Every structure is written in structure tokens, then in C-alpha cells.
Amino acid sequence: AGFELWHEPSTTTMLAADASVSSIGAGNSARAAFGWRLFERFYLGPEAQVYSTDNYVHKRVGVHITALKIDKREWMGAIGMANDNDNRSGIYVRIGVLTRH
């Protein structure tokens, strides 16, 4: 099961959250992000994400850019630090694009 939330508490802020849970392999994830509208072009702000299974946990904390519209495409991305319960850590990068027809 999963859910997504997108809320604009004001004309210059956004709040996004999503989560999913699974009974198969017990893979669960959650993400929350807040952003401020900049230059009337996109949202920028902090994000946090966690993914877990029965014996593994992966966490991310970083900064995101969301809803950058160029032509018919809407770009999003993030960069930050990730770590897990195997004592590994590093930089993560996430890039996405939404195309509207």
C-alpha cells in the first residue's frame, strides 16, 4: 500500500510526503520534503527519506528542487548524504522528469 501527499500551505511554500509498506519482503519507505517557491520557477528545500526491510535500513537527508517547468517537462532532483546500518555512507543524487501531453 502507498500514499502521496502534495500540499501548498501558502503561495510560496510546499509540503510533499509519500510512503509505502509491503507485506512481501517487508520493504517499507517514506519521504518528506518542504520547499520555498523561488523566482516563481521552482521549490527548493530540505528532504528526508528512509527505506527499510527486515534487517536493513537506508537513510537520506538532503536538499531538493521540485517543479522546475521547462516547456512540457517538469524536472525534480535532490542531492545529499546517505547512510545505512551496514556503516556505509556517501552522497546520493536523485533526478526525475515528468512529461505532460
PDB file of N, CA and C in Angstrom:
ATOM      1  N   ALA A   1       0.853  -1.174   0.000  1.00  0.00           N
ATOM      2  CA  ALA A   1       0.000   0.000   0.000  1.00  0.00           C
ATOM      3  C   ALA A   1       0.895   1.232   0.000  1.00  0.00           C
ATOM      4  N   GLY A   2       0.386   2.318  -0.512  1.00  0.00           N
ATOM      5  CA  GLY A   2       1.164   3.539  -0.537  1.00  0.00           C
ATOM      6  C   GLY A   2       0.280   4.767  -0.544  1.00  0.00           C
ATOM      7  N   PHE A   3       0.870   5.897  -0.241  1.00  0.00           N
ATOM      8  CA  PHE A   3       0.147   7.164  -0.325  1.00  0.00           C
ATOM      9  C   PHE A   3       1.108   8.264  -0.719  1.00  0.00           C
ATOM     10  N   GLU A   4       0.550   9.315  -1.297  1.00  0.00           N
ATOM     11  CA  GLU A   4       1.297  10.516  -1.649  1.00  0.00           C
ATOM     12  C   GLU A   4       0.510  11.734  -1.202  1.00  0.00           C
ATOM     13  N   LEU A   5       1.206  12.746  -0.758  1.00  0.00           N
ATOM     14  CA  LEU A   5       0.584  13.998  -0.334  1.00  0.00           C
ATOM     15  C   LEU A   5       1.355  15.146  -0.956  1.00  0.00           C
ATOM     16  N   TRP A   6       0.630  16.092  -1.536  1.00  0.00           N
ATOM     17  CA  TRP A   6       1.207  17.345  -2.031  1.00  0.00           C
ATOM     18  C   TRP A   6       0.308  18.447  -1.506  1.00  0.00           C
ATOM     19  N   HIS A   7       0.876  19.369  -0.753  1.00  0.00           N
ATOM     20  CA  HIS A   7       0.088  20.443  -0.160  1.00  0.00           C
ATOM     21  C   HIS A   7       0.864  21.744  -0.296  1.00  0.00           C
ATOM     22  N   GLU A   8       0.157  22.796  -0.653  1.00  0.00           N
ATOM     23  CA  GLU A   8       0.751  24.126  -0.733  1.00  0.00           C
ATOM     24  C   GLU A   8       0.104  24.989   0.349  1.00  0.00           C
ATOM     25  N   PRO A   9       0.711  25.026   1.559  1.00  0.00           N
ATOM     26  CA  PRO A   9       0.129  25.779   2.669  1.00  0.00           C
ATOM     27  C   PRO A   9      -0.016  27.269   2.386  1.00  0.00           C
ATOM     28  N   SER A  10       0.838  27.788   1.497  1.00  0.00           N
ATOM     29  CA  SER A  10       0.744  29.191   1.099  1.00  0.00           C
ATOM     30  C   SER A  10       1.160  29.279  -0.368  1.00  0.00           C
ATOM     31  N   THR A  11       1.141  30.464  -0.927  1.00  0.00           N
ATOM     32  CA  THR A  11       1.524  30.630  -2.334  1.00  0.00           C
ATOM     33  C   THR A  11       3.027  30.477  -2.539  1.00  0.00           C
ATOM     34  N   THR A  12       3.797  30.446  -1.446  1.00  0.00           N
ATOM     35  CA  THR A  12       5.252  30.353  -1.572  1.00  0.00           C
ATOM     36  C   THR A  12       5.861  29.131  -0.890  1.00  0.00           C
ATOM     37  N   THR A  13       5.046  28.197  -0.436  1.00  0.00           N
ATOM     38  CA  THR A  13       5.575  27.005   0.222  1.00  0.00           C
ATOM     39  C   THR A  13       4.873  25.745  -0.263  1.00  0.00           C
ATOM     40  N   MET A  14       5.580  24.608  -0.124  1.00  0.00           N
ATOM     41  CA  MET A  14       5.007  23.314  -0.462  1.00  0.00           C
ATOM     42  C   MET A  14       5.449  22.292   0.574  1.00  0.00           C
ATOM     43  N   LEU A  15       4.627  21.259   0.704  1.00  0.00           N
ATOM     44  CA  LEU A  15       4.926  20.134   1.573  1.00  0.00           C
ATOM     45  C   LEU A  15       4.588  18.878   0.791  1.00  0.00           C
ATOM     46  N   ALA A  16       5.534  17.965   0.690  1.00  0.00           N
ATOM     47  CA  ALA A  16       5.305  16.703  -0.013  1.00  0.00           C
ATOM     48  C   ALA A  16       5.691  15.557   0.904  1.00  0.00           C
ATOM     49  N   ALA A  17       4.913  14.481   0.853  1.00  0.00           N
ATOM     50  CA  ALA A  17       5.220  13.286   1.631  1.00  0.00           C
ATOM     51  C   ALA A  17       4.714  12.077   0.869  1.00  0.00           C
ATOM     52  N   ASP A  18       5.424  10.981   0.995  1.00  0.00           N
ATOM     53  CA  ASP A  18       4.946   9.726   0.431  1.00  0.00           C
ATOM     54  C   ASP A  18       5.477   8.588   1.279  1.00  0.00           C
ATOM     55  N   ALA A  19       4.780   7.477   1.239  1.00  0.00           N
ATOM     56  CA  ALA A  19       5.182   6.298   1.997  1.00  0.00           C
ATOM     57  C   ALA A  19       4.607   5.065   1.331  1.00  0.00           C
ATOM     58  N   SER A  20       5.280   3.957   1.536  1.00  0.00           N
ATOM     59  CA  SER A  20       4.752   2.675   1.069  1.00  0.00           C
ATOM     60  C   SER A  20       5.157   1.590   2.051  1.00  0.00           C
ATOM     61  N   VAL A  21       4.289   0.609   2.188  1.00  0.00           N
ATOM     62  CA  VAL A  21       4.547  -0.549   3.040  1.00  0.00           C
ATOM     63  C   VAL A  21       4.218  -1.797   2.244  1.00  0.00           C
ATOM     64  N   SER A  22       4.934  -2.854   2.539  1.00  0.00           N
ATOM     65  CA  SER A  22       4.736  -4.100   1.815  1.00  0.00           C
ATOM     66  C   SER A  22       4.771  -5.269   2.782  1.00  0.00           C
ATOM     67  N   SER A  23       3.918  -6.234   2.542  1.00  0.00           N
ATOM     68  CA  SER A  23       3.954  -7.456   3.344  1.00  0.00           C
ATOM     69  C   SER A  23       4.873  -8.496   2.717  1.00  0.00           C
ATOM     70  N   ILE A  24       5.342  -8.235   1.496  1.00  0.00           N
ATOM     71  CA  ILE A  24       6.257  -9.141   0.800  1.00  0.00           C
ATOM     72  C   ILE A  24       7.671  -8.612   0.983  1.00  0.00           C
ATOM     73  N   GLY A  25       8.493  -9.310   1.698  1.00  0.00           N
ATOM     74  CA  GLY A  25       9.859  -8.860   1.936  1.00  0.00           C
ATOM     75  C   GLY A  25       9.943  -7.699   2.908  1.00  0.00           C
ATOM     76  N   ALA A  26       8.821  -7.278   3.421  1.00  0.00           N
ATOM     77  CA  ALA A  26       8.754  -6.199   4.412  1.00  0.00           C
ATOM     78  C   ALA A  26       9.540  -4.963   3.987  1.00  0.00           C
ATOM     79  N   GLY A  27       9.439  -4.556   2.731  1.00  0.00           N
ATOM     80  CA  GLY A  27      10.108  -3.355   2.251  1.00  0.00           C
ATOM     81  C   GLY A  27       9.230  -2.137   2.462  1.00  0.00           C
ATOM     82  N   ASN A  28       9.694  -1.200   3.271  1.00  0.00           N
ATOM     83  CA  ASN A  28       8.931  -0.002   3.591  1.00  0.00           C
ATOM     84  C   ASN A  28       9.759   1.228   3.250  1.00  0.00           C
ATOM     85  N   SER A  29       9.077   2.299   2.839  1.00  0.00           N
ATOM     86  CA  SER A  29       9.794   3.535   2.553  1.00  0.00           C
ATOM     87  C   SER A  29       8.924   4.731   2.925  1.00  0.00           C
ATOM     88  N   ALA A  30       9.592   5.853   3.203  1.00  0.00           N
ATOM     89  CA  ALA A  30       8.895   7.105   3.494  1.00  0.00           C
ATOM     90  C   ALA A  30       9.798   8.260   3.110  1.00  0.00           C
ATOM     91  N   ARG A  31       9.186   9.355   2.644  1.00  0.00           N
ATOM     92  CA  ARG A  31       9.917  10.559   2.264  1.00  0.00           C
ATOM     93  C   ARG A  31       9.081  11.770   2.640  1.00  0.00           C
ATOM     94  N   ALA A  32       9.737  12.810   3.134  1.00  0.00           N
ATOM     95  CA  ALA A  32       9.070  14.078   3.423  1.00  0.00           C
ATOM     96  C   ALA A  32       9.960  15.201   2.918  1.00  0.00           C
ATOM     97  N   ALA A  33       9.335  16.235   2.340  1.00  0.00           N
ATOM     98  CA  ALA A  33      10.078  17.380   1.818  1.00  0.00           C
ATOM     99  C   ALA A  33       9.264  18.653   2.037  1.00  0.00           C
ATOM    100  N   PHE A  34       9.969  19.728   2.302  1.00  0.00           N
ATOM    101  CA  PHE A  34       9.373  21.053   2.425  1.00  0.00           C
ATOM    102  C   PHE A  34      10.125  21.957   1.465  1.00  0.00           C
ATOM    103  N   GLY A  35       9.439  22.920   0.879  1.00  0.00           N
ATOM    104  CA  GLY A  35      10.124  23.804  -0.049  1.00  0.00           C
ATOM    105  C   GLY A  35       9.551  25.204  -0.078  1.00  0.00           C
ATOM    106  N   TRP A  36      10.410  26.142  -0.445  1.00  0.00           N
ATOM    107  CA  TRP A  36      10.018  27.530  -0.642  1.00  0.00           C
ATOM    108  C   TRP A  36      10.047  27.827  -2.134  1.00  0.00           C
ATOM    109  N   ARG A  37       9.065  28.556  -2.631  1.00  0.00           N
ATOM    110  CA  ARG A  37       8.987  28.935  -4.046  1.00  0.00           C
ATOM    111  C   ARG A  37      10.014  30.034  -4.313  1.00  0.00           C
ATOM    112  N   LEU A  38      10.888  29.813  -5.305  1.00  0.00           N
ATOM    113  CA  LEU A  38      11.917  30.787  -5.639  1.00  0.00           C
ATOM    114  C   LEU A  38      11.775  31.245  -7.085  1.00  0.00           C
ATOM    115  N   PHE A  39      11.859  32.510  -7.298  1.00  0.00           N
ATOM    116  CA  PHE A  39      11.861  33.120  -8.635  1.00  0.00           C
ATOM    117  C   PHE A  39      10.626  32.749  -9.457  1.00  0.00           C
ATOM    118  N   GLU A  40       9.537  32.354  -8.777  1.00  0.00           N
ATOM    119  CA  GLU A  40       8.311  31.935  -9.475  1.00  0.00           C
ATOM    120  C   GLU A  40       8.572  30.775 -10.434  1.00  0.00           C
ATOM    121  N   ARG A  41       9.630  29.975 -10.171  1.00  0.00           N
ATOM    122  CA  ARG A  41      10.032  28.920 -11.111  1.00  0.00           C
ATOM    123  C   ARG A  41      10.071  27.520 -10.502  1.00  0.00           C
ATOM    124  N   PHE A  42      10.422  27.381  -9.215  1.00  0.00           N
ATOM    125  CA  PHE A  42      10.592  26.054  -8.624  1.00  0.00           C
ATOM    126  C   PHE A  42      10.559  26.170  -7.105  1.00  0.00           C
ATOM    127  N   TYR A  43      10.498  25.003  -6.438  1.00  0.00           N
ATOM    128  CA  TYR A  43      10.580  24.921  -4.985  1.00  0.00           C
ATOM    129  C   TYR A  43      11.954  24.383  -4.603  1.00  0.00           C
ATOM    130  N   LEU A  44      12.518  24.897  -3.522  1.00  0.00           N
ATOM    131  CA  LEU A  44      13.798  24.459  -3.017  1.00  0.00           C
ATOM    132  C   LEU A  44      13.694  24.287  -1.514  1.00  0.00           C
ATOM    133  N   GLY A  45      14.216  23.163  -0.995  1.00  0.00           N
ATOM    134  CA  GLY A  45      14.151  22.966   0.442  1.00  0.00           C
ATOM    135  C   GLY A  45      14.720  21.631   0.878  1.00  0.00           C
ATOM    136  N   PRO A  46      14.579  21.310   2.163  1.00  0.00           N
ATOM    137  CA  PRO A  46      15.127  20.075   2.712  1.00  0.00           C
ATOM    138  C   PRO A  46      14.223  18.871   2.447  1.00  0.00           C
ATOM    139  N   GLU A  47      14.849  17.690   2.448  1.00  0.00           N
ATOM    140  CA  GLU A  47      14.099  16.439   2.342  1.00  0.00           C
ATOM    141  C   GLU A  47      14.771  15.384   3.201  1.00  0.00           C
ATOM    142  N   ALA A  48      13.975  14.405   3.628  1.00  0.00           N
ATOM    143  CA  ALA A  48      14.473  13.252   4.374  1.00  0.00           C
ATOM    144  C   ALA A  48      13.751  12.015   3.855  1.00  0.00           C
ATOM    145  N   GLN A  49      14.494  10.907   3.788  1.00  0.00           N
ATOM    146  CA  GLN A  49      13.925   9.679   3.242  1.00  0.00           C
ATOM    147  C   GLN A  49      14.497   8.489   4.006  1.00  0.00           C
ATOM    148  N   VAL A  50      13.689   7.447   4.175  1.00  0.00           N
ATOM    149  CA  VAL A  50      14.142   6.213   4.801  1.00  0.00           C
ATOM    150  C   VAL A  50      13.551   5.023   4.054  1.00  0.00           C
ATOM    151  N   TYR A  51      14.362   3.968   3.901  1.00  0.00           N
ATOM    152  CA  TYR A  51      13.927   2.714   3.302  1.00  0.00           C
ATOM    153  C   TYR A  51      14.364   1.602   4.241  1.00  0.00           C
ATOM    154  N   SER A  52      13.469   0.668   4.519  1.00  0.00           N
ATOM    155  CA  SER A  52      13.836  -0.413   5.429  1.00  0.00           C
ATOM    156  C   SER A  52      13.230  -1.733   4.998  1.00  0.00           C
ATOM    157  N   THR A  53      13.948  -2.799   5.314  1.00  0.00           N
ATOM    158  CA  THR A  53      13.446  -4.165   5.190  1.00  0.00           C
ATOM    159  C   THR A  53      13.624  -4.799   6.565  1.00  0.00           C
ATOM    160  N   ASP A  54      13.451  -6.108   6.634  1.00  0.00           N
ATOM    161  CA  ASP A  54      13.560  -6.784   7.927  1.00  0.00           C
ATOM    162  C   ASP A  54      14.890  -6.516   8.631  1.00  0.00           C
ATOM    163  N   ASN A  55      16.001  -6.495   7.877  1.00  0.00           N
ATOM    164  CA  ASN A  55      17.301  -6.345   8.517  1.00  0.00           C
ATOM    165  C   ASN A  55      18.177  -5.247   7.906  1.00  0.00           C
ATOM    166  N   TYR A  56      17.582  -4.314   7.175  1.00  0.00           N
ATOM    167  CA  TYR A  56      18.357  -3.274   6.509  1.00  0.00           C
ATOM    168  C   TYR A  56      17.627  -1.940   6.615  1.00  0.00           C
ATOM    169  N   VAL A  57      18.396  -0.867   6.888  1.00  0.00           N
ATOM    170  CA  VAL A  57      17.836   0.490   6.949  1.00  0.00           C
ATOM    171  C   VAL A  57      18.773   1.428   6.187  1.00  0.00           C
ATOM    172  N   HIS A  58      18.190   2.210   5.268  1.00  0.00           N
ATOM    173  CA  HIS A  58      18.929   3.181   4.455  1.00  0.00           C
ATOM    174  C   HIS A  58      18.272   4.541   4.674  1.00  0.00           C
ATOM    175  N   LYS A  59      19.060   5.547   5.079  1.00  0.00           N
ATOM    176  CA  LYS A  59      18.528   6.883   5.362  1.00  0.00           C
ATOM    177  C   LYS A  59      19.211   7.915   4.482  1.00  0.00           C
ATOM    178  N   ARG A  60      18.428   8.940   4.096  1.00  0.00           N
ATOM    179  CA  ARG A  60      18.945  10.042   3.284  1.00  0.00           C
ATOM    180  C   ARG A  60      18.456  11.375   3.849  1.00  0.00           C
ATOM    181  N   VAL A  61      19.328  12.362   3.830  1.00  0.00           N
ATOM    182  CA  VAL A  61      18.973  13.732   4.207  1.00  0.00           C
ATOM    183  C   VAL A  61      19.660  14.654   3.200  1.00  0.00           C
ATOM    184  N   GLY A  62      18.879  15.562   2.609  1.00  0.00           N
ATOM    185  CA  GLY A  62      19.469  16.432   1.611  1.00  0.00           C
ATOM    186  C   GLY A  62      18.599  17.620   1.266  1.00  0.00           C
ATOM    187  N   VAL A  63      18.866  18.175   0.096  1.00  0.00           N
ATOM    188  CA  VAL A  63      18.126  19.322  -0.406  1.00  0.00           C
ATOM    189  C   VAL A  63      17.535  18.948  -1.766  1.00  0.00           C
ATOM    190  N   HIS A  64      16.317  19.407  -2.024  1.00  0.00           N
ATOM    191  CA  HIS A  64      15.627  19.068  -3.274  1.00  0.00           C
ATOM    192  C   HIS A  64      15.259  20.327  -4.046  1.00  0.00           C
ATOM    193  N   ILE A  65      15.089  20.154  -5.351  1.00  0.00           N
ATOM    194  CA  ILE A  65      14.486  21.155  -6.225  1.00  0.00           C
ATOM    195  C   ILE A  65      13.316  20.445  -6.900  1.00  0.00           C
ATOM    196  N   THR A  66      12.150  21.052  -6.864  1.00  0.00           N
ATOM    197  CA  THR A  66      10.934  20.410  -7.340  1.00  0.00           C
ATOM    198  C   THR A  66      10.124  21.385  -8.189  1.00  0.00           C
ATOM    199  N   ALA A  67       9.452  20.853  -9.206  1.00  0.00           N
ATOM    200  CA  ALA A  67       8.509  21.599 -10.045  1.00  0.00           C
ATOM    201  C   ALA A  67       9.185  22.665 -10.904  1.00  0.00           C
ATOM    202  N   LEU A  68      10.371  22.364 -11.411  1.00  0.00           N
ATOM    203  CA  LEU A  68      11.049  23.265 -12.345  1.00  0.00           C
ATOM    204  C   LEU A  68      10.490  22.973 -13.736  1.00  0.00           C
ATOM    205  N   LYS A  69       9.623  23.842 -14.232  1.00  0.00           N
ATOM    206  CA  LYS A  69       8.942  23.619 -15.509  1.00  0.00           C
ATOM    207  C   LYS A  69       9.727  24.237 -16.655  1.00  0.00           C
ATOM    208  N   ILE A  70      10.045  23.387 -17.635  1.00  0.00           N
ATOM    209  CA  ILE A  70      10.711  23.819 -18.863  1.00  0.00           C
ATOM    210  C   ILE A  70       9.939  23.190 -20.008  1.00  0.00           C
ATOM    211  N   ASP A  71       9.299  24.016 -20.822  1.00  0.00           N
ATOM    212  CA  ASP A  71       8.422  23.549 -21.896  1.00  0.00           C
ATOM    213  C   ASP A  71       7.334  22.643 -21.317  1.00  0.00           C
ATOM    214  N   LYS A  72       7.209  21.419 -21.827  1.00  0.00           N
ATOM    215  CA  LYS A  72       6.174  20.498 -21.350  1.00  0.00           C
ATOM    216  C   LYS A  72       6.700  19.533 -20.293  1.00  0.00           C
ATOM    217  N   ARG A  73       7.902  19.792 -19.795  1.00  0.00           N
ATOM    218  CA  ARG A  73       8.502  18.893 -18.812  1.00  0.00           C
ATOM    219  C   ARG A  73       8.635  19.581 -17.461  1.00  0.00           C
ATOM    220  N   GLU A  74       8.493  18.780 -16.423  1.00  0.00           N
ATOM    221  CA  GLU A  74       8.661  19.262 -15.057  1.00  0.00           C
ATOM    222  C   GLU A  74       9.786  18.447 -14.418  1.00  0.00           C
ATOM    223  N   TRP A  75      10.882  19.121 -14.055  1.00  0.00           N
ATOM    224  CA  TRP A  75      12.067  18.466 -13.530  1.00  0.00           C
ATOM    225  C   TRP A  75      12.093  18.509 -12.019  1.00  0.00           C
ATOM    226  N   MET A  76      12.726  17.503 -11.440  1.00  0.00           N
ATOM    227  CA  MET A  76      12.941  17.464 -10.000  1.00  0.00           C
ATOM    228  C   MET A  76      14.281  16.785  -9.732  1.00  0.00           C
ATOM    229  N   GLY A  77      14.870  17.087  -8.610  1.00  0.00           N
ATOM    230  CA  GLY A  77      16.132  16.462  -8.270  1.00  0.00           C
ATOM    231  C   GLY A  77      16.486  16.720  -6.824  1.00  0.00           C
ATOM    232  N   ALA A  78      17.476  15.981  -6.356  1.00  0.00           N
ATOM    233  CA  ALA A  78      17.931  16.146  -4.981  1.00  0.00           C
ATOM    234  C   ALA A  78      19.385  15.704  -4.869  1.00  0.00           C
ATOM    235  N   ILE A  79      20.042  16.209  -3.841  1.00  0.00           N
ATOM    236  CA  ILE A  79      21.406  15.798  -3.517  1.00  0.00           C
ATOM    237  C   ILE A  79      21.556  15.869  -2.007  1.00  0.00           C
ATOM    238  N   GLY A  80      22.331  14.935  -1.461  1.00  0.00           N
ATOM    239  CA  GLY A  80      22.531  14.934  -0.017  1.00  0.00           C
ATOM    240  C   GLY A  80      23.393  13.776   0.430  1.00  0.00           C
ATOM    241  N   MET A  81      23.314  13.457   1.702  1.00  0.00           N
ATOM    242  CA  MET A  81      24.098  12.379   2.300  1.00  0.00           C
ATOM    243  C   MET A  81      23.195  11.186   2.608  1.00  0.00           C
ATOM    244  N   ALA A  82      23.736   9.997   2.383  1.00  0.00           N
ATOM    245  CA  ALA A  82      23.021   8.758   2.664  1.00  0.00           C
ATOM    246  C   ALA A  82      23.881   7.885   3.572  1.00  0.00           C
ATOM    247  N   ASN A  83      23.222   7.101   4.422  1.00  0.00           N
ATOM    248  CA  ASN A  83      23.940   6.108   5.220  1.00  0.00           C
ATOM    249  C   ASN A  83      23.016   4.939   5.501  1.00  0.00           C
ATOM    250  N   ASP A  84      23.615   3.823   5.888  1.00  0.00           N
ATOM    251  CA  ASP A  84      22.813   2.640   6.182  1.00  0.00           C
ATOM    252  C   ASP A  84      23.339   1.938   7.423  1.00  0.00           C
ATOM    253  N   ASN A  85      22.643   0.883   7.829  1.00  0.00           N
ATOM    254  CA  ASN A  85      23.028   0.191   9.053  1.00  0.00           C
ATOM    255  C   ASN A  85      24.206  -0.771   8.837  1.00  0.00           C
ATOM    256  N   ASP A  86      24.760  -0.827   7.627  1.00  0.00           N
ATOM    257  CA  ASP A  86      25.995  -1.565   7.369  1.00  0.00           C
ATOM    258  C   ASP A  86      27.209  -0.644   7.493  1.00  0.00           C
ATOM    259  N   ASN A  87      27.001   0.540   8.068  1.00  0.00           N
ATOM    260  CA  ASN A  87      28.047   1.545   8.279  1.00  0.00           C
ATOM    261  C   ASN A  87      28.663   2.045   6.980  1.00  0.00           C
ATOM    262  N   ARG A  88      27.853   2.114   5.930  1.00  0.00           N
ATOM    263  CA  ARG A  88      28.290   2.712   4.671  1.00  0.00           C
ATOM    264  C   ARG A  88      27.610   4.067   4.532  1.00  0.00           C
ATOM    265  N   SER A  89      28.314   5.033   3.969  1.00  0.00           N
ATOM    266  CA  SER A  89      27.723   6.351   3.755  1.00  0.00           C
ATOM    267  C   SER A  89      28.320   6.962   2.503  1.00  0.00           C
ATOM    268  N   GLY A  90      27.605   7.952   1.968  1.00  0.00           N
ATOM    269  CA  GLY A  90      28.073   8.636   0.778  1.00  0.00           C
ATOM    270  C   GLY A  90      27.056   9.649   0.304  1.00  0.00           C
ATOM    271  N   ILE A  91      27.320  10.206  -0.852  1.00  0.00           N
ATOM    272  CA  ILE A  91      26.449  11.210  -1.453  1.00  0.00           C
ATOM    273  C   ILE A  91      25.402  10.511  -2.315  1.00  0.00           C
ATOM    274  N   TYR A  92      24.177  10.995  -2.268  1.00  0.00           N
ATOM    275  CA  TYR A  92      23.145  10.500  -3.186  1.00  0.00           C
ATOM    276  C   TYR A  92      22.703  11.630  -4.111  1.00  0.00           C
ATOM    277  N   VAL A  93      22.289  11.258  -5.304  1.00  0.00           N
ATOM    278  CA  VAL A  93      21.739  12.187  -6.291  1.00  0.00           C
ATOM    279  C   VAL A  93      20.489  11.546  -6.855  1.00  0.00           C
ATOM    280  N   ARG A  94      19.412  12.313  -6.931  1.00  0.00           N
ATOM    281  CA  ARG A  94      18.156  11.832  -7.496  1.00  0.00           C
ATOM    282  C   ARG A  94      17.695  12.821  -8.551  1.00  0.00           C
ATOM    283  N   ILE A  95      17.350  12.324  -9.741  1.00  0.00           N
ATOM    284  CA  ILE A  95      16.873  13.173 -10.838  1.00  0.00           C
ATOM    285  C   ILE A  95      15.594  12.564 -11.396  1.00  0.00           C
ATOM    286  N   GLY A  96      14.604  13.397 -11.671  1.00  0.00           N
ATOM    287  CA  GLY A  96      13.356  12.916 -12.247  1.00  0.00           C
ATOM    288  C   GLY A  96      12.782  13.936 -13.214  1.00  0.00           C
ATOM    289  N   VAL A  97      11.952  13.450 -14.122  1.00  0.00           N
ATOM    290  CA  VAL A  97      11.271  14.330 -15.074  1.00  0.00           C
ATOM    291  C   VAL A  97       9.861  13.813 -15.302  1.00  0.00           C
ATOM    292  N   LEU A  98       8.924  14.726 -15.379  1.00  0.00           N
ATOM    293  CA  LEU A  98       7.526  14.426 -15.654  1.00  0.00           C
ATOM    294  C   LEU A  98       7.164  15.105 -16.966  1.00  0.00           C
ATOM    295  N   THR A  99       6.613  14.334 -17.908  1.00  0.00           N
ATOM    296  CA  THR A  99       6.212  14.895 -19.194  1.00  0.00           C
ATOM    297  C   THR A  99       4.703  14.908 -19.276  1.00  0.00           C
ATOM    298  N   ARG A 100       4.154  16.028 -19.669  1.00  0.00           N
ATOM    299  CA  ARG A 100       2.699  16.163 -19.811  1.00  0.00           C
ATOM    300  C   ARG A 100       2.327  16.229 -21.283  1.00  0.00           C
ATOM    301  N   HIS A 101       1.229  15.560 -21.633  1.00  0.00           N
ATOM    302  CA  HIS A 101       0.740  15.576 -23.032  1.00  0.00           C
ATOM    303  C   HIS A 101      -0.613  16.232 -23.107  1.00  0.00           C
TER     304      HIS A 101
END
